[in-house]
Amino acid sequence: MTQLTKAGFRVWMIIFILSLTTCVFAEDFTQIPVKGRVTMVDLGAKKCIPCKMMAPIMVKLEAAYEGRAAIVFIDVWENREQGPRFKVHAIPTQIFFDEQGKEVFRHVGFFDEHSIIEQLSQMGVEEPESLGQSVNQGS
C-alpha cells in the first residue's frame, strides 16, 4: 500500500467504526445530558472537517470513560432540532454538564483530547489509566 492509500484507509476505518458505534452517537436525545453522570456532548456534523478531526478522539474517550462519564456526539445536520435545543451557533460545540444536568462549560471549535480530559478532571471525573497515548494534542 502506498502512504496515501494507508491514510485513506485509516479515514475510511474511522468513519466505518463511527457508523457502528451507538454509544458515542446519541439516538435517544431525551436522555442527554445523562442524569447522575458528568456528560460531555459534542455537537457537530459527520461531514464537518473539525468534527471529523474530533471523531477518533470522541471514540477513544467514550471507551476510556465508560462508567465514569457520558461522552456523546450529536450530528446537528441530521438532527436539526438538537442545535436550537442546545443553543448551538457554530460547530463543533462541546458542552459539559454536571451530574445534575447543569451546563458548567462550553467550547466552540476543535477541542483537543488533552483539553477535554482536563475539563473532565476539573469536574471531578478521574482520568482513566487506559488513555495512554493521546490521539491529537493540537488545538
Protein backbone atom coordinates (compact mmCIF):
# COMPACT_ATOMS: atom_id res chain seq x y z
CA MET A 1 0.00 0.00 0.00
CA THR A 2 1.19 3.49 -0.70
CA GLN A 3 1.21 6.12 2.05
CA LEU A 4 -1.81 7.86 0.54
CA THR A 5 -3.71 4.60 0.41
CA LYS A 6 -2.87 3.87 4.07
CA ALA A 7 -4.09 7.34 5.07
CA GLY A 8 -7.26 6.91 3.06
CA PHE A 9 -7.83 3.51 4.64
CA ARG A 10 -7.41 4.98 8.13
CA VAL A 11 -10.01 7.66 7.40
CA TRP A 12 -12.37 5.05 5.99
CA MET A 13 -11.88 2.86 9.08
CA ILE A 14 -12.62 5.75 11.44
CA ILE A 15 -15.81 6.58 9.55
CA PHE A 16 -16.77 2.89 9.48
CA ILE A 17 -16.16 2.48 13.22
CA LEU A 18 -18.14 5.63 13.96
CA SER A 19 -21.05 4.35 11.91
CA LEU A 20 -21.11 1.20 14.07
CA THR A 21 -20.66 2.97 17.40
CA THR A 22 -24.04 3.52 19.01
CA CYS A 23 -22.76 4.77 22.37
CA VAL A 24 -20.95 7.83 21.06
CA PHE A 25 -23.66 8.80 18.62
CA ALA A 26 -26.77 9.63 20.59
CA GLU A 27 -30.09 8.29 19.39
CA ASP A 28 -32.34 8.96 22.40
CA PHE A 29 -31.82 12.69 22.88
CA THR A 30 -34.27 12.87 25.80
CA GLN A 31 -31.61 11.15 27.95
CA ILE A 32 -28.96 13.81 27.18
CA PRO A 33 -27.41 15.05 29.42
CA VAL A 34 -27.25 11.77 31.35
CA LYS A 35 -28.66 12.30 34.84
CA GLY A 36 -26.34 11.26 37.64
CA ARG A 37 -23.26 11.35 35.42
CA VAL A 38 -20.94 14.07 34.11
CA THR A 39 -21.78 14.37 30.41
CA MET A 40 -19.78 15.83 27.53
CA VAL A 41 -21.86 16.48 24.42
CA ASP A 42 -20.05 17.21 21.16
CA LEU A 43 -22.49 18.82 18.73
CA GLY A 44 -21.27 18.80 15.17
CA ALA A 45 -21.72 17.01 11.86
CA LYS A 46 -20.13 13.92 10.36
CA LYS A 47 -19.20 15.96 7.25
CA CYS A 48 -17.68 18.96 9.09
CA ILE A 49 -13.86 18.98 8.88
CA PRO A 50 -13.09 19.92 12.53
CA CYS A 51 -15.79 17.46 13.61
CA LYS A 52 -14.12 14.69 11.58
CA MET A 53 -10.84 15.57 13.29
CA MET A 54 -12.52 15.11 16.66
CA ALA A 55 -14.18 11.79 15.75
CA PRO A 56 -11.29 9.48 16.75
CA ILE A 57 -10.84 11.44 19.98
CA MET A 58 -14.52 11.01 20.80
CA VAL A 59 -14.40 7.26 20.13
CA LYS A 60 -11.30 6.87 22.31
CA LEU A 61 -12.70 8.95 25.18
CA GLU A 62 -16.12 7.29 25.07
CA ALA A 63 -14.45 3.91 25.58
CA ALA A 64 -11.97 5.14 28.19
CA TYR A 65 -14.59 6.95 30.29
CA GLU A 66 -17.23 4.19 30.12
CA GLY A 67 -18.90 4.00 33.52
CA ARG A 68 -17.25 7.28 34.64
CA ALA A 69 -18.71 9.93 32.33
CA ALA A 70 -21.01 10.03 29.32
CA ILE A 71 -19.28 11.12 26.09
CA VAL A 72 -21.85 11.80 23.36
CA PHE A 73 -21.81 13.05 19.77
CA ILE A 74 -24.90 14.56 18.15
CA ASP A 75 -24.95 15.31 14.43
CA VAL A 76 -26.92 18.56 14.27
CA TRP A 77 -27.23 18.39 10.49
CA GLU A 78 -29.05 15.06 10.73
CA ASN A 79 -30.92 16.03 13.93
CA ARG A 80 -31.74 19.67 13.26
CA GLU A 81 -33.90 20.15 16.36
CA GLN A 82 -30.89 19.48 18.63
CA GLY A 83 -28.91 22.57 17.57
CA PRO A 84 -31.53 25.02 18.87
CA ARG A 85 -32.17 22.85 21.92
CA PHE A 86 -28.52 23.15 22.97
CA LYS A 87 -28.22 26.76 21.69
CA VAL A 88 -25.54 25.86 19.14
CA HIS A 89 -24.44 28.74 16.90
CA ALA A 90 -21.35 27.09 15.33
CA ILE A 91 -19.98 23.57 15.07
CA PRO A 92 -18.36 21.78 16.62
CA THR A 93 -19.57 22.88 20.05
CA GLN A 94 -18.74 20.89 23.17
CA ILE A 95 -20.92 21.24 26.25
CA PHE A 96 -20.03 19.77 29.63
CA PHE A 97 -22.84 19.04 32.11
CA ASP A 98 -22.50 18.12 35.79
CA GLU A 99 -24.27 15.14 37.41
CA GLN A 100 -27.44 17.20 37.87
CA GLY A 101 -27.56 18.07 34.16
CA LYS A 102 -26.46 21.68 34.64
CA GLU A 103 -24.20 23.15 31.95
CA VAL A 104 -20.84 24.08 33.51
CA PHE A 105 -18.59 24.65 30.50
CA ARG A 106 -18.94 25.29 26.76
CA HIS A 107 -16.33 25.38 23.99
CA VAL A 108 -16.77 26.18 20.30
CA GLY A 109 -14.39 24.74 17.68
CA PHE A 110 -11.98 21.84 17.62
CA PHE A 111 -11.23 20.73 21.20
CA ASP A 112 -8.17 18.53 21.65
CA GLU A 113 -8.07 15.40 23.77
CA HIS A 114 -5.85 16.87 26.49
CA SER A 115 -8.23 19.82 26.99
CA ILE A 116 -11.27 17.53 27.19
CA ILE A 117 -9.54 15.33 29.78
CA GLU A 118 -8.52 18.44 31.74
CA GLN A 119 -12.11 19.74 31.77
CA LEU A 120 -13.48 16.37 32.88
CA SER A 121 -10.86 16.26 35.65
CA GLN A 122 -11.86 19.74 36.81
CA MET A 123 -15.40 18.40 37.07
CA GLY A 124 -14.26 15.58 39.36
CA VAL A 125 -14.02 12.77 36.81
CA GLU A 126 -10.86 10.76 37.39
CA GLU A 127 -8.71 10.23 34.30
CA PRO A 128 -8.79 6.58 33.20
CA GLU A 129 -5.46 4.76 33.12
CA SER A 130 -6.44 3.23 29.78
CA LEU A 131 -5.97 6.51 27.89
CA GLY A 132 -2.28 6.03 27.15
CA GLN A 133 -1.06 8.00 24.09
CA SER A 134 -3.25 10.96 23.11
CA VAL A 135 -4.90 10.95 19.68
CA ASN A 136 -4.31 14.64 19.00
CA GLN A 137 -2.74 17.33 21.16
CA GLY A 138 -3.27 20.25 18.75
CA SER A 139 -5.81 22.95 19.48
